[in-house]
């Protein structure tokens, strides 16, 4: 059986239950040889509110707490400059070789703007894509940008086909009923959008307790 690496990228500012649920869903569907979690360096550096090492520490805590073995892939952090996804996948493909299945995981919100990504069609030459539904986002063909819908229609495949094919296929998962955004989490941590100035117990439903403890101990996401 060829190796299969599932790759979940994102800012993870902070990592929350939605990220872990998406990873778990595809671990259960694909049974990958390895799950890699890739903290990104977004081009809008000011958008990050936690530092690189804090984001990595929270990722390690969250995935260990969830009992979901994951390797934290530091390549974008260690590079020190923002990187496009296509560049990261080129590097990963060079590392893993031509035969390994690489599955880049994303939520439905990212799929809806996939055609705005740098060299987005080349992503299919380098990896498969696993897309998870989110409440409020439709994955039907008529809801996608036409160029994206065209690519999806000819690449849809079963989890087993994706797991055993190096690149070029898409696996759609419609069973992820988690809708959490890091923006929402940061607002709650700052005490915003909470009637009567409620305590910081509210974010506990969105974050692993170990991550919330880390945030409080390191005074992250303060106003």
N, C-alpha and C. Protein backbone atom coordinates (compact mmCIF):
# COMPACT_ATOMS: atom_id res chain seq x y z
N UNK A 1 0.85 -1.20 0.00
CA UNK A 1 0.00 0.00 0.00
C UNK A 1 0.88 1.25 0.00
N UNK A 2 0.57 2.18 -0.89
CA UNK A 2 1.39 3.39 -0.96
C UNK A 2 1.12 4.26 0.26
N UNK A 3 2.15 5.03 0.70
CA UNK A 3 1.93 5.92 1.84
C UNK A 3 0.93 7.02 1.50
N UNK A 4 0.18 7.43 2.48
CA UNK A 4 -0.81 8.50 2.32
C UNK A 4 -0.61 9.51 3.43
N UNK A 5 -0.38 10.76 3.06
CA UNK A 5 -0.19 11.83 4.03
C UNK A 5 -1.35 12.81 3.91
N UNK A 6 -2.11 12.96 4.98
CA UNK A 6 -3.18 13.97 5.03
C UNK A 6 -2.58 15.24 5.61
N UNK A 7 -2.80 16.36 4.96
CA UNK A 7 -2.18 17.63 5.34
C UNK A 7 -3.25 18.67 5.63
N UNK A 8 -3.27 19.14 6.86
CA UNK A 8 -4.22 20.19 7.26
C UNK A 8 -3.45 21.47 7.53
N UNK A 9 -3.67 22.46 6.68
CA UNK A 9 -3.00 23.74 6.84
C UNK A 9 -3.96 24.79 7.36
N UNK A 10 -3.40 25.84 7.92
CA UNK A 10 -4.23 26.94 8.41
C UNK A 10 -3.44 27.87 9.31
N UNK A 11 -4.05 28.99 9.66
CA UNK A 11 -3.39 29.92 10.58
C UNK A 11 -3.44 29.39 12.01
N UNK A 12 -4.52 28.69 12.36
CA UNK A 12 -4.67 28.12 13.71
C UNK A 12 -4.42 29.20 14.77
N UNK A 13 -5.21 30.25 14.69
CA UNK A 13 -4.99 31.43 15.53
C UNK A 13 -6.27 31.78 16.31
N UNK A 14 -6.70 30.91 17.25
CA UNK A 14 -6.06 29.68 17.73
C UNK A 14 -6.70 28.44 17.11
N UNK A 15 -6.07 27.29 17.34
CA UNK A 15 -6.66 26.00 16.94
C UNK A 15 -7.92 25.77 17.77
N UNK A 16 -9.00 25.28 17.12
CA UNK A 16 -10.25 25.06 17.84
C UNK A 16 -10.84 23.70 17.46
N UNK A 17 -12.00 23.39 18.05
CA UNK A 17 -12.62 22.09 17.84
C UNK A 17 -12.92 21.82 16.37
N UNK A 18 -13.23 22.86 15.59
CA UNK A 18 -13.52 22.66 14.17
C UNK A 18 -12.33 22.10 13.41
N UNK A 19 -11.13 22.61 13.71
CA UNK A 19 -9.93 22.10 13.06
C UNK A 19 -9.72 20.63 13.38
N UNK A 20 -9.84 20.28 14.65
CA UNK A 20 -9.61 18.90 15.08
C UNK A 20 -10.67 17.97 14.48
N UNK A 21 -11.92 18.44 14.44
CA UNK A 21 -13.00 17.62 13.88
C UNK A 21 -12.78 17.35 12.39
N UNK A 22 -12.31 18.35 11.66
CA UNK A 22 -12.04 18.16 10.23
C UNK A 22 -10.94 17.13 10.04
N UNK A 23 -9.87 17.25 10.83
CA UNK A 23 -8.77 16.28 10.72
C UNK A 23 -9.25 14.88 11.08
N UNK A 24 -10.03 14.75 12.16
CA UNK A 24 -10.50 13.44 12.59
C UNK A 24 -11.40 12.80 11.52
N UNK A 25 -12.25 13.62 10.90
CA UNK A 25 -13.14 13.11 9.86
C UNK A 25 -12.36 12.43 8.75
N UNK A 26 -11.29 13.09 8.29
CA UNK A 26 -10.54 12.52 7.17
C UNK A 26 -9.59 11.41 7.61
N UNK A 27 -9.16 11.42 8.85
CA UNK A 27 -8.41 10.28 9.36
C UNK A 27 -9.30 9.04 9.34
N UNK A 28 -10.56 9.21 9.71
CA UNK A 28 -11.50 8.08 9.71
C UNK A 28 -11.86 7.64 8.30
N UNK A 29 -11.93 8.58 7.36
CA UNK A 29 -12.28 8.25 5.98
C UNK A 29 -11.11 7.63 5.21
N UNK A 30 -9.93 8.19 5.41
CA UNK A 30 -8.79 7.84 4.57
C UNK A 30 -7.82 6.85 5.21
N UNK A 31 -7.81 6.78 6.55
CA UNK A 31 -6.82 5.97 7.25
C UNK A 31 -5.41 6.27 6.73
N UNK A 32 -4.99 7.54 6.79
CA UNK A 32 -3.70 7.91 6.23
C UNK A 32 -2.54 7.32 7.04
N UNK A 33 -1.41 7.19 6.38
CA UNK A 33 -0.20 6.76 7.07
C UNK A 33 0.24 7.82 8.07
N UNK A 34 -0.03 9.07 7.76
CA UNK A 34 0.42 10.17 8.61
C UNK A 34 -0.53 11.35 8.45
N UNK A 35 -0.79 12.02 9.56
CA UNK A 35 -1.50 13.29 9.55
C UNK A 35 -0.51 14.39 9.87
N UNK A 36 -0.38 15.35 8.98
CA UNK A 36 0.50 16.50 9.22
C UNK A 36 -0.37 17.75 9.37
N UNK A 37 -0.01 18.56 10.34
CA UNK A 37 -0.70 19.82 10.56
C UNK A 37 0.30 20.93 10.29
N UNK A 38 -0.08 21.84 9.39
CA UNK A 38 0.85 22.83 8.86
C UNK A 38 0.41 24.25 9.24
N UNK A 39 0.99 24.84 10.29
CA UNK A 39 0.68 26.24 10.59
C UNK A 39 1.24 27.15 9.50
N UNK A 40 0.39 27.99 8.96
CA UNK A 40 0.76 28.82 7.81
C UNK A 40 1.31 30.17 8.25
N UNK A 41 2.00 30.80 7.31
CA UNK A 41 2.43 32.20 7.45
C UNK A 41 1.63 33.02 6.44
N UNK A 42 0.48 33.56 6.84
CA UNK A 42 -0.35 34.30 5.87
C UNK A 42 0.36 35.56 5.38
N UNK A 43 -0.01 35.95 4.17
CA UNK A 43 0.60 37.14 3.59
C UNK A 43 0.28 38.38 4.42
N UNK A 44 -0.92 38.43 4.98
CA UNK A 44 -1.26 39.57 5.84
C UNK A 44 -0.77 39.25 7.25
N UNK A 45 0.54 39.45 7.49
CA UNK A 45 1.14 39.05 8.76
C UNK A 45 0.43 39.69 9.95
N UNK A 46 -0.09 40.93 9.76
CA UNK A 46 -0.76 41.62 10.86
C UNK A 46 -2.01 40.87 11.31
N UNK A 47 -2.51 39.97 10.45
CA UNK A 47 -3.73 39.25 10.80
C UNK A 47 -3.50 38.24 11.92
N UNK A 48 -2.25 37.84 12.13
CA UNK A 48 -1.95 36.87 13.19
C UNK A 48 -1.88 37.57 14.53
N UNK A 49 -2.58 37.03 15.51
CA UNK A 49 -2.56 37.63 16.84
C UNK A 49 -1.72 36.84 17.83
N UNK A 50 -1.41 35.60 17.53
CA UNK A 50 -0.51 34.80 18.36
C UNK A 50 0.76 34.52 17.56
N UNK A 51 1.88 34.42 18.26
CA UNK A 51 3.16 34.17 17.61
C UNK A 51 3.27 32.74 17.10
N UNK A 52 4.28 32.49 16.28
CA UNK A 52 4.46 31.18 15.67
C UNK A 52 4.60 30.08 16.71
N UNK A 53 5.45 30.28 17.70
CA UNK A 53 5.70 29.23 18.68
C UNK A 53 4.47 28.98 19.56
N UNK A 54 3.70 30.02 19.84
CA UNK A 54 2.46 29.82 20.59
C UNK A 54 1.46 29.02 19.78
N UNK A 55 1.35 29.31 18.49
CA UNK A 55 0.41 28.56 17.65
C UNK A 55 0.82 27.09 17.57
N UNK A 56 2.11 26.84 17.45
CA UNK A 56 2.60 25.46 17.40
C UNK A 56 2.33 24.75 18.72
N UNK A 57 2.59 25.43 19.83
CA UNK A 57 2.35 24.82 21.14
C UNK A 57 0.88 24.47 21.33
N UNK A 58 -0.02 25.36 20.90
CA UNK A 58 -1.45 25.09 21.03
C UNK A 58 -1.88 23.93 20.13
N UNK A 59 -1.30 23.84 18.92
CA UNK A 59 -1.61 22.71 18.04
C UNK A 59 -1.20 21.39 18.69
N UNK A 60 -0.01 21.36 19.24
CA UNK A 60 0.47 20.14 19.88
C UNK A 60 -0.44 19.74 21.03
N UNK A 61 -0.85 20.70 21.84
CA UNK A 61 -1.75 20.42 22.95
C UNK A 61 -3.10 19.90 22.47
N UNK A 62 -3.66 20.56 21.45
CA UNK A 62 -5.01 20.22 20.98
C UNK A 62 -5.06 18.81 20.41
N UNK A 63 -4.09 18.46 19.58
CA UNK A 63 -4.14 17.15 18.93
C UNK A 63 -3.77 16.03 19.89
N UNK A 64 -2.87 16.29 20.81
CA UNK A 64 -2.57 15.26 21.81
C UNK A 64 -3.77 15.05 22.73
N UNK A 65 -4.45 16.15 23.10
CA UNK A 65 -5.63 16.05 23.95
C UNK A 65 -6.74 15.27 23.27
N UNK A 66 -6.83 15.40 21.94
CA UNK A 66 -7.87 14.71 21.17
C UNK A 66 -7.51 13.25 20.88
N UNK A 67 -6.30 12.84 21.25
CA UNK A 67 -5.88 11.48 20.96
C UNK A 67 -5.71 11.23 19.48
N UNK A 68 -5.33 12.28 18.75
CA UNK A 68 -5.21 12.20 17.30
C UNK A 68 -3.74 12.43 16.93
N UNK A 69 -2.98 11.37 16.70
CA UNK A 69 -1.55 11.54 16.42
C UNK A 69 -1.33 12.42 15.19
N UNK A 70 -0.53 13.44 15.36
CA UNK A 70 -0.27 14.37 14.27
C UNK A 70 1.16 14.87 14.35
N UNK A 71 1.75 15.08 13.19
CA UNK A 71 3.06 15.70 13.09
C UNK A 71 2.86 17.18 12.77
N UNK A 72 3.47 18.05 13.55
CA UNK A 72 3.41 19.49 13.26
C UNK A 72 4.49 19.78 12.22
N UNK A 73 4.09 20.14 11.04
CA UNK A 73 5.02 20.42 9.94
C UNK A 73 5.37 21.91 10.00
N UNK A 74 6.62 22.20 10.33
CA UNK A 74 7.06 23.58 10.57
C UNK A 74 7.61 24.27 9.31
N UNK A 75 7.44 23.70 8.15
CA UNK A 75 8.18 24.22 6.99
C UNK A 75 7.86 25.68 6.69
N UNK A 76 6.61 26.10 6.83
CA UNK A 76 6.30 27.50 6.53
C UNK A 76 6.79 28.43 7.64
N UNK A 77 6.75 27.96 8.89
CA UNK A 77 7.26 28.76 9.99
C UNK A 77 8.77 28.94 9.86
N UNK A 78 9.48 27.83 9.62
CA UNK A 78 10.93 27.88 9.55
C UNK A 78 11.44 28.63 8.34
N UNK A 79 10.64 28.67 7.27
CA UNK A 79 11.04 29.43 6.09
C UNK A 79 11.11 30.92 6.41
N UNK A 80 10.25 31.36 7.30
CA UNK A 80 10.32 32.74 7.78
C UNK A 80 9.65 33.76 6.91
N UNK A 81 9.13 33.35 5.75
CA UNK A 81 8.42 34.28 4.88
C UNK A 81 7.09 33.63 4.48
N UNK A 82 6.07 34.44 4.22
CA UNK A 82 4.79 33.88 3.79
C UNK A 82 4.96 33.06 2.51
N UNK A 83 4.18 31.99 2.40
CA UNK A 83 4.33 31.04 1.30
C UNK A 83 2.96 30.67 0.75
N UNK A 84 2.88 30.55 -0.56
CA UNK A 84 1.65 30.07 -1.18
C UNK A 84 1.53 28.56 -0.99
N UNK A 85 0.29 28.07 -0.91
CA UNK A 85 0.05 26.64 -0.73
C UNK A 85 0.70 25.83 -1.83
N UNK A 86 0.66 26.30 -3.06
CA UNK A 86 1.23 25.54 -4.16
C UNK A 86 2.73 25.34 -3.96
N UNK A 87 3.42 26.34 -3.39
CA UNK A 87 4.85 26.20 -3.13
C UNK A 87 5.11 25.16 -2.04
N UNK A 88 4.28 25.18 -1.02
CA UNK A 88 4.41 24.21 0.06
C UNK A 88 4.20 22.79 -0.46
N UNK A 89 3.19 22.61 -1.31
CA UNK A 89 2.93 21.29 -1.86
C UNK A 89 4.04 20.83 -2.81
N UNK A 90 4.66 21.75 -3.51
CA UNK A 90 5.81 21.37 -4.34
C UNK A 90 6.92 20.80 -3.48
N UNK A 91 7.18 21.47 -2.36
CA UNK A 91 8.22 21.00 -1.45
C UNK A 91 7.88 19.66 -0.84
N UNK A 92 6.63 19.47 -0.46
CA UNK A 92 6.21 18.21 0.15
C UNK A 92 6.27 17.07 -0.86
N UNK A 93 5.87 17.35 -2.10
CA UNK A 93 5.93 16.32 -3.14
C UNK A 93 7.38 15.92 -3.40
N UNK A 94 8.29 16.88 -3.43
CA UNK A 94 9.71 16.57 -3.63
C UNK A 94 10.24 15.71 -2.48
N UNK A 95 9.74 15.96 -1.29
CA UNK A 95 10.17 15.20 -0.11
C UNK A 95 9.63 13.77 -0.13
N UNK A 96 8.36 13.61 -0.48
CA UNK A 96 7.70 12.31 -0.36
C UNK A 96 7.83 11.44 -1.61
N UNK A 97 8.18 12.06 -2.74
CA UNK A 97 8.31 11.30 -3.98
C UNK A 97 7.02 11.27 -4.78
N UNK A 98 7.10 10.66 -5.95
CA UNK A 98 5.98 10.70 -6.90
C UNK A 98 4.84 9.76 -6.54
N UNK A 99 5.11 8.72 -5.77
CA UNK A 99 4.11 7.67 -5.56
C UNK A 99 3.19 7.91 -4.37
N UNK A 100 3.63 8.69 -3.40
CA UNK A 100 2.83 8.88 -2.18
C UNK A 100 1.55 9.65 -2.50
N UNK A 101 0.49 9.27 -1.80
CA UNK A 101 -0.75 10.04 -1.88
C UNK A 101 -0.67 11.20 -0.90
N UNK A 102 -0.82 12.41 -1.39
CA UNK A 102 -0.91 13.59 -0.53
C UNK A 102 -2.34 14.10 -0.63
N UNK A 103 -2.98 14.31 0.51
CA UNK A 103 -4.36 14.80 0.53
C UNK A 103 -4.38 16.10 1.32
N UNK A 104 -4.60 17.20 0.61
CA UNK A 104 -4.67 18.52 1.25
C UNK A 104 -6.11 18.74 1.71
N UNK A 105 -6.29 18.97 3.01
CA UNK A 105 -7.62 19.07 3.60
C UNK A 105 -8.06 20.53 3.69
N UNK A 106 -9.34 20.76 3.43
CA UNK A 106 -9.87 22.12 3.55
C UNK A 106 -11.36 22.06 3.87
N UNK A 107 -11.87 23.18 4.36
CA UNK A 107 -13.30 23.32 4.59
C UNK A 107 -14.00 23.87 3.37
N UNK A 108 -15.32 23.79 3.38
CA UNK A 108 -16.11 24.25 2.24
C UNK A 108 -15.89 25.73 1.96
N UNK A 109 -15.65 26.53 3.00
CA UNK A 109 -15.43 27.96 2.80
C UNK A 109 -14.21 28.21 1.93
N UNK A 110 -13.17 27.38 2.08
CA UNK A 110 -11.97 27.56 1.27
C UNK A 110 -12.20 27.10 -0.17
N UNK A 111 -12.99 26.05 -0.34
CA UNK A 111 -13.27 25.58 -1.69
C UNK A 111 -13.98 26.65 -2.51
N UNK A 112 -14.85 27.42 -1.87
CA UNK A 112 -15.63 28.43 -2.59
C UNK A 112 -14.76 29.55 -3.17
N UNK A 113 -13.54 29.68 -2.67
CA UNK A 113 -12.64 30.72 -3.21
C UNK A 113 -11.35 30.11 -3.75
N UNK A 114 -11.37 28.82 -4.05
CA UNK A 114 -10.16 28.13 -4.49
C UNK A 114 -9.57 28.76 -5.74
N UNK A 115 -10.42 29.24 -6.65
CA UNK A 115 -9.90 29.80 -7.90
C UNK A 115 -9.20 31.14 -7.71
N UNK A 116 -9.16 31.65 -6.48
CA UNK A 116 -8.41 32.89 -6.21
C UNK A 116 -7.00 32.58 -5.69
N UNK A 117 -6.70 31.30 -5.47
CA UNK A 117 -5.39 30.91 -4.95
C UNK A 117 -4.34 30.94 -6.07
N UNK A 118 -3.10 31.17 -5.71
CA UNK A 118 -2.01 31.18 -6.68
C UNK A 118 -1.87 29.81 -7.36
N UNK A 119 -1.86 29.81 -8.68
CA UNK A 119 -1.66 28.58 -9.47
C UNK A 119 -2.55 27.44 -8.97
N UNK A 120 -3.82 27.73 -8.76
CA UNK A 120 -4.68 26.78 -8.07
C UNK A 120 -4.87 25.46 -8.82
N UNK A 121 -4.85 25.51 -10.13
CA UNK A 121 -5.02 24.25 -10.87
C UNK A 121 -3.82 23.32 -10.70
N UNK A 122 -2.65 23.89 -10.43
CA UNK A 122 -1.46 23.06 -10.21
C UNK A 122 -1.57 22.25 -8.92
N UNK A 123 -2.44 22.69 -8.01
CA UNK A 123 -2.63 21.92 -6.77
C UNK A 123 -3.00 20.47 -7.08
N UNK A 124 -3.79 20.27 -8.14
CA UNK A 124 -4.24 18.92 -8.49
C UNK A 124 -3.11 18.07 -9.08
N UNK A 125 -2.06 18.71 -9.60
CA UNK A 125 -0.90 17.97 -10.08
C UNK A 125 -0.04 17.48 -8.92
N UNK A 126 -0.19 18.14 -7.78
CA UNK A 126 0.68 17.87 -6.64
C UNK A 126 0.01 17.05 -5.55
N UNK A 127 -1.30 17.12 -5.46
CA UNK A 127 -2.00 16.48 -4.34
C UNK A 127 -3.45 16.19 -4.70
N UNK A 128 -4.06 15.36 -3.89
CA UNK A 128 -5.51 15.23 -3.88
C UNK A 128 -6.06 16.29 -2.92
N UNK A 129 -7.35 16.51 -2.96
CA UNK A 129 -7.97 17.47 -2.05
C UNK A 129 -9.13 16.80 -1.33
N UNK A 130 -9.17 16.98 -0.02
CA UNK A 130 -10.28 16.52 0.79
C UNK A 130 -11.06 17.72 1.29
N UNK A 131 -12.34 17.77 0.98
CA UNK A 131 -13.18 18.93 1.33
C UNK A 131 -14.27 18.49 2.30
N UNK A 132 -14.39 19.22 3.40
CA UNK A 132 -15.43 18.92 4.39
C UNK A 132 -16.49 20.01 4.37
N UNK A 133 -17.74 19.59 4.41
CA UNK A 133 -18.85 20.54 4.47
C UNK A 133 -18.81 21.32 5.78
N UNK A 134 -19.38 22.51 5.76
CA UNK A 134 -19.61 23.29 6.97
C UNK A 134 -21.03 23.82 6.93
N UNK A 135 -21.69 23.89 8.06
CA UNK A 135 -23.03 24.47 8.06
C UNK A 135 -23.02 25.86 7.43
N UNK A 136 -23.98 26.09 6.55
CA UNK A 136 -24.07 27.39 5.90
C UNK A 136 -23.34 27.48 4.58
N UNK A 137 -22.61 26.43 4.23
CA UNK A 137 -21.87 26.42 2.96
C UNK A 137 -22.33 25.23 2.13
N UNK A 138 -22.70 25.49 0.90
CA UNK A 138 -23.14 24.42 0.02
C UNK A 138 -21.98 23.93 -0.85
N UNK A 139 -21.96 22.62 -1.09
CA UNK A 139 -20.92 22.03 -1.93
C UNK A 139 -21.46 21.60 -3.28
N UNK A 140 -22.74 21.85 -3.54
CA UNK A 140 -23.30 21.48 -4.84
C UNK A 140 -22.63 22.28 -5.96
N UNK A 141 -22.68 21.71 -7.15
CA UNK A 141 -21.99 22.31 -8.29
C UNK A 141 -22.42 23.76 -8.53
N UNK A 142 -23.72 24.04 -8.40
CA UNK A 142 -24.20 25.38 -8.73
C UNK A 142 -23.81 26.41 -7.67
N UNK A 143 -23.27 25.96 -6.54
CA UNK A 143 -22.85 26.90 -5.49
C UNK A 143 -21.38 27.28 -5.61
N UNK A 144 -20.66 26.58 -6.49
CA UNK A 144 -19.22 26.80 -6.62
C UNK A 144 -18.92 27.74 -7.79
N UNK A 145 -17.80 28.45 -7.75
CA UNK A 145 -17.38 29.20 -8.94
C UNK A 145 -17.27 28.24 -10.13
N UNK A 146 -17.74 28.63 -11.30
CA UNK A 146 -17.76 27.70 -12.44
C UNK A 146 -16.44 26.98 -12.70
N UNK A 147 -15.27 27.65 -12.67
CA UNK A 147 -14.03 26.91 -12.92
C UNK A 147 -13.77 25.83 -11.87
N UNK A 148 -14.10 26.13 -10.61
CA UNK A 148 -13.91 25.16 -9.54
C UNK A 148 -14.90 24.00 -9.70
N UNK A 149 -16.16 24.33 -10.02
CA UNK A 149 -17.17 23.28 -10.21
C UNK A 149 -16.76 22.32 -11.33
N UNK A 150 -16.17 22.85 -12.39
CA UNK A 150 -15.74 22.01 -13.51
C UNK A 150 -14.65 21.04 -13.07
N UNK A 151 -13.68 21.54 -12.30
CA UNK A 151 -12.61 20.67 -11.82
C UNK A 151 -13.15 19.61 -10.86
N UNK A 152 -14.05 20.03 -9.97
CA UNK A 152 -14.59 19.08 -9.00
C UNK A 152 -15.35 17.95 -9.69
N UNK A 153 -16.15 18.30 -10.70
CA UNK A 153 -17.02 17.32 -11.36
C UNK A 153 -16.23 16.18 -11.98
N UNK A 154 -15.05 16.48 -12.49
CA UNK A 154 -14.29 15.42 -13.16
C UNK A 154 -13.27 14.74 -12.26
N UNK A 155 -13.19 15.20 -10.99
CA UNK A 155 -12.18 14.64 -10.09
C UNK A 155 -12.76 13.93 -8.87
N UNK A 156 -14.08 13.98 -8.69
CA UNK A 156 -14.67 13.36 -7.51
C UNK A 156 -14.36 11.87 -7.45
N UNK A 157 -14.01 11.41 -6.26
CA UNK A 157 -13.61 10.02 -6.10
C UNK A 157 -13.94 9.55 -4.69
N UNK A 158 -13.90 8.25 -4.49
CA UNK A 158 -14.15 7.68 -3.17
C UNK A 158 -12.93 7.87 -2.28
N UNK A 159 -13.10 7.79 -0.96
CA UNK A 159 -11.94 7.87 -0.06
C UNK A 159 -10.86 6.86 -0.40
N UNK A 160 -11.25 5.64 -0.74
CA UNK A 160 -10.25 4.61 -1.06
C UNK A 160 -9.47 4.97 -2.32
N UNK A 161 -10.15 5.51 -3.33
CA UNK A 161 -9.44 5.93 -4.55
C UNK A 161 -8.46 7.06 -4.24
N UNK A 162 -8.89 8.01 -3.42
CA UNK A 162 -8.02 9.13 -3.05
C UNK A 162 -6.83 8.63 -2.25
N UNK A 163 -7.09 7.69 -1.34
CA UNK A 163 -6.02 7.19 -0.48
C UNK A 163 -4.93 6.46 -1.26
N UNK A 164 -5.27 5.90 -2.40
CA UNK A 164 -4.32 5.08 -3.16
C UNK A 164 -3.87 5.73 -4.46
N UNK A 165 -4.18 7.01 -4.65
CA UNK A 165 -3.79 7.75 -5.85
C UNK A 165 -2.92 8.94 -5.43
N UNK A 166 -1.79 9.16 -6.07
CA UNK A 166 -0.89 10.22 -5.62
C UNK A 166 -1.50 11.63 -5.63
N UNK A 167 -2.25 11.96 -6.68
CA UNK A 167 -2.75 13.33 -6.81
C UNK A 167 -3.89 13.37 -7.81
N UNK A 168 -4.60 14.52 -7.83
CA UNK A 168 -5.56 14.77 -8.89
C UNK A 168 -7.01 14.47 -8.59
N UNK A 169 -7.30 13.89 -7.42
CA UNK A 169 -8.67 13.53 -7.09
C UNK A 169 -9.21 14.38 -5.95
N UNK A 170 -10.54 14.35 -5.79
CA UNK A 170 -11.20 15.13 -4.73
C UNK A 170 -12.14 14.21 -3.96
N UNK A 171 -12.04 14.27 -2.65
CA UNK A 171 -12.95 13.53 -1.77
C UNK A 171 -13.82 14.54 -1.03
N UNK A 172 -15.13 14.46 -1.22
CA UNK A 172 -16.08 15.34 -0.55
C UNK A 172 -16.67 14.64 0.67
N UNK A 173 -16.65 15.30 1.81
CA UNK A 173 -17.24 14.75 3.03
C UNK A 173 -18.36 15.68 3.50
N UNK A 174 -19.56 15.15 3.58
CA UNK A 174 -20.72 15.98 3.90
C UNK A 174 -21.18 15.80 5.34
N UNK A 175 -20.34 15.21 6.18
CA UNK A 175 -20.79 14.83 7.52
C UNK A 175 -20.16 15.65 8.64
N UNK A 176 -19.52 16.77 8.32
CA UNK A 176 -18.91 17.61 9.35
C UNK A 176 -19.90 18.70 9.74
N UNK A 177 -20.50 18.56 10.92
CA UNK A 177 -21.55 19.50 11.35
C UNK A 177 -21.02 20.50 12.36
N UNK A 178 -19.73 20.86 12.23
CA UNK A 178 -19.10 21.80 13.16
C UNK A 178 -18.88 23.11 12.43
N UNK A 179 -19.32 24.20 13.04
CA UNK A 179 -19.15 25.51 12.41
C UNK A 179 -18.56 26.47 13.43
N UNK A 180 -17.24 26.56 13.45
CA UNK A 180 -16.53 27.44 14.38
C UNK A 180 -15.52 28.23 13.57
N UNK A 181 -15.38 29.50 13.85
CA UNK A 181 -14.35 30.30 13.20
C UNK A 181 -13.41 30.84 14.27
N UNK A 182 -12.13 30.97 13.89
CA UNK A 182 -11.15 31.53 14.82
C UNK A 182 -11.49 32.97 15.17
N UNK A 183 -12.11 33.69 14.24
CA UNK A 183 -12.53 35.07 14.52
C UNK A 183 -13.53 35.09 15.66
N UNK A 184 -14.50 34.16 15.63
CA UNK A 184 -15.48 34.05 16.70
C UNK A 184 -14.81 33.71 18.02
N UNK A 185 -13.85 32.79 17.99
CA UNK A 185 -13.16 32.40 19.21
C UNK A 185 -12.39 33.57 19.80
N UNK A 186 -11.67 34.31 18.96
CA UNK A 186 -10.89 35.45 19.47
C UNK A 186 -11.80 36.50 20.08
N UNK A 187 -12.97 36.72 19.46
CA UNK A 187 -13.91 37.70 20.02
C UNK A 187 -14.38 37.28 21.40
N UNK A 188 -14.67 36.00 21.56
CA UNK A 188 -15.10 35.50 22.87
C UNK A 188 -13.99 35.62 23.91
N UNK A 189 -12.77 35.33 23.49
CA UNK A 189 -11.64 35.41 24.42
C UNK A 189 -11.39 36.85 24.88
N UNK A 190 -11.73 37.80 24.02
CA UNK A 190 -11.56 39.21 24.39
C UNK A 190 -12.74 39.74 25.18
N UNK A 191 -13.76 38.89 25.38
CA UNK A 191 -14.93 39.33 26.11
C UNK A 191 -15.96 40.02 25.26
N UNK A 192 -15.80 39.95 23.94
CA UNK A 192 -16.76 40.57 23.03
C UNK A 192 -17.91 39.60 22.76
N UNK A 193 -19.04 40.15 22.37
CA UNK A 193 -20.21 39.35 21.98
C UNK A 193 -20.73 38.45 23.10
N UNK A 194 -20.47 38.83 24.33
CA UNK A 194 -20.96 38.05 25.45
C UNK A 194 -21.78 38.95 26.37
N UNK A 195 -23.06 38.72 26.51
CA UNK A 195 -23.90 39.59 27.30
C UNK A 195 -23.45 39.63 28.75
N UNK A 196 -23.43 40.85 29.33
CA UNK A 196 -23.13 41.00 30.74
C UNK A 196 -21.69 40.74 31.11
N UNK A 197 -20.79 40.71 30.11
CA UNK A 197 -19.39 40.47 30.42
C UNK A 197 -19.16 39.12 31.06
N UNK A 198 -19.68 38.09 30.45
CA UNK A 198 -19.59 36.75 31.02
C UNK A 198 -18.14 36.32 31.16
N UNK A 199 -17.91 35.32 31.97
CA UNK A 199 -16.56 34.83 32.19
C UNK A 199 -16.06 34.12 30.94
N UNK A 200 -14.79 33.71 30.96
CA UNK A 200 -14.22 33.06 29.79
C UNK A 200 -14.57 31.59 29.73
N UNK A 201 -15.63 31.15 30.36
CA UNK A 201 -16.08 29.76 30.23
C UNK A 201 -16.68 29.51 28.85
N UNK A 202 -17.24 30.54 28.23
CA UNK A 202 -17.88 30.33 26.92
C UNK A 202 -16.95 29.71 25.89
N UNK A 203 -15.68 30.17 25.75
CA UNK A 203 -14.81 29.56 24.74
C UNK A 203 -14.51 28.08 25.00
N UNK A 204 -14.79 27.59 26.21
CA UNK A 204 -14.49 26.19 26.52
C UNK A 204 -15.29 25.23 25.65
N UNK A 205 -16.39 25.69 25.08
CA UNK A 205 -17.17 24.82 24.18
C UNK A 205 -16.59 24.81 22.77
N UNK A 206 -15.65 25.71 22.49
CA UNK A 206 -15.07 25.83 21.16
C UNK A 206 -13.62 25.39 21.09
N UNK A 207 -12.95 25.36 22.25
CA UNK A 207 -11.53 25.04 22.33
C UNK A 207 -11.32 23.88 23.29
N UNK A 208 -10.24 23.14 23.08
CA UNK A 208 -9.83 22.15 24.07
C UNK A 208 -9.45 22.88 25.36
N UNK A 209 -9.79 22.31 26.50
CA UNK A 209 -9.47 22.95 27.78
C UNK A 209 -7.97 23.22 27.90
N UNK A 210 -7.13 22.30 27.40
CA UNK A 210 -5.69 22.52 27.52
C UNK A 210 -5.25 23.72 26.68
N UNK A 211 -5.93 23.97 25.57
CA UNK A 211 -5.61 25.14 24.75
C UNK A 211 -6.08 26.41 25.45
N UNK A 212 -7.27 26.38 26.02
CA UNK A 212 -7.78 27.55 26.74
C UNK A 212 -6.87 27.87 27.92
N UNK A 213 -6.42 26.84 28.63
CA UNK A 213 -5.49 27.07 29.75
C UNK A 213 -4.20 27.72 29.26
N UNK A 214 -3.69 27.25 28.13
CA UNK A 214 -2.46 27.83 27.57
C UNK A 214 -2.67 29.29 27.22
N UNK A 215 -3.80 29.60 26.60
CA UNK A 215 -4.11 30.98 26.21
C UNK A 215 -4.16 31.88 27.45
N UNK A 216 -4.79 31.41 28.50
CA UNK A 216 -4.90 32.21 29.72
C UNK A 216 -3.55 32.35 30.41
N UNK A 217 -2.77 31.28 30.44
CA UNK A 217 -1.46 31.34 31.11
C UNK A 217 -0.49 32.27 30.39
N UNK A 218 -0.65 32.38 29.08
CA UNK A 218 0.28 33.21 28.29
C UNK A 218 -0.34 34.55 27.88
N UNK A 219 -1.51 34.84 28.43
CA UNK A 219 -2.16 36.14 28.18
C UNK A 219 -2.31 36.45 26.70
N UNK A 220 -2.78 35.45 25.95
CA UNK A 220 -2.99 35.65 24.51
C UNK A 220 -4.40 36.18 24.25
N UNK A 221 -4.55 36.85 23.12
CA UNK A 221 -5.84 37.34 22.62
C UNK A 221 -6.52 38.31 23.57
N UNK A 222 -5.73 39.13 24.23
CA UNK A 222 -6.31 40.17 25.07
C UNK A 222 -6.64 41.38 24.20
N UNK A 223 -7.58 42.18 24.64
CA UNK A 223 -7.96 43.37 23.88
C UNK A 223 -6.80 44.35 23.83
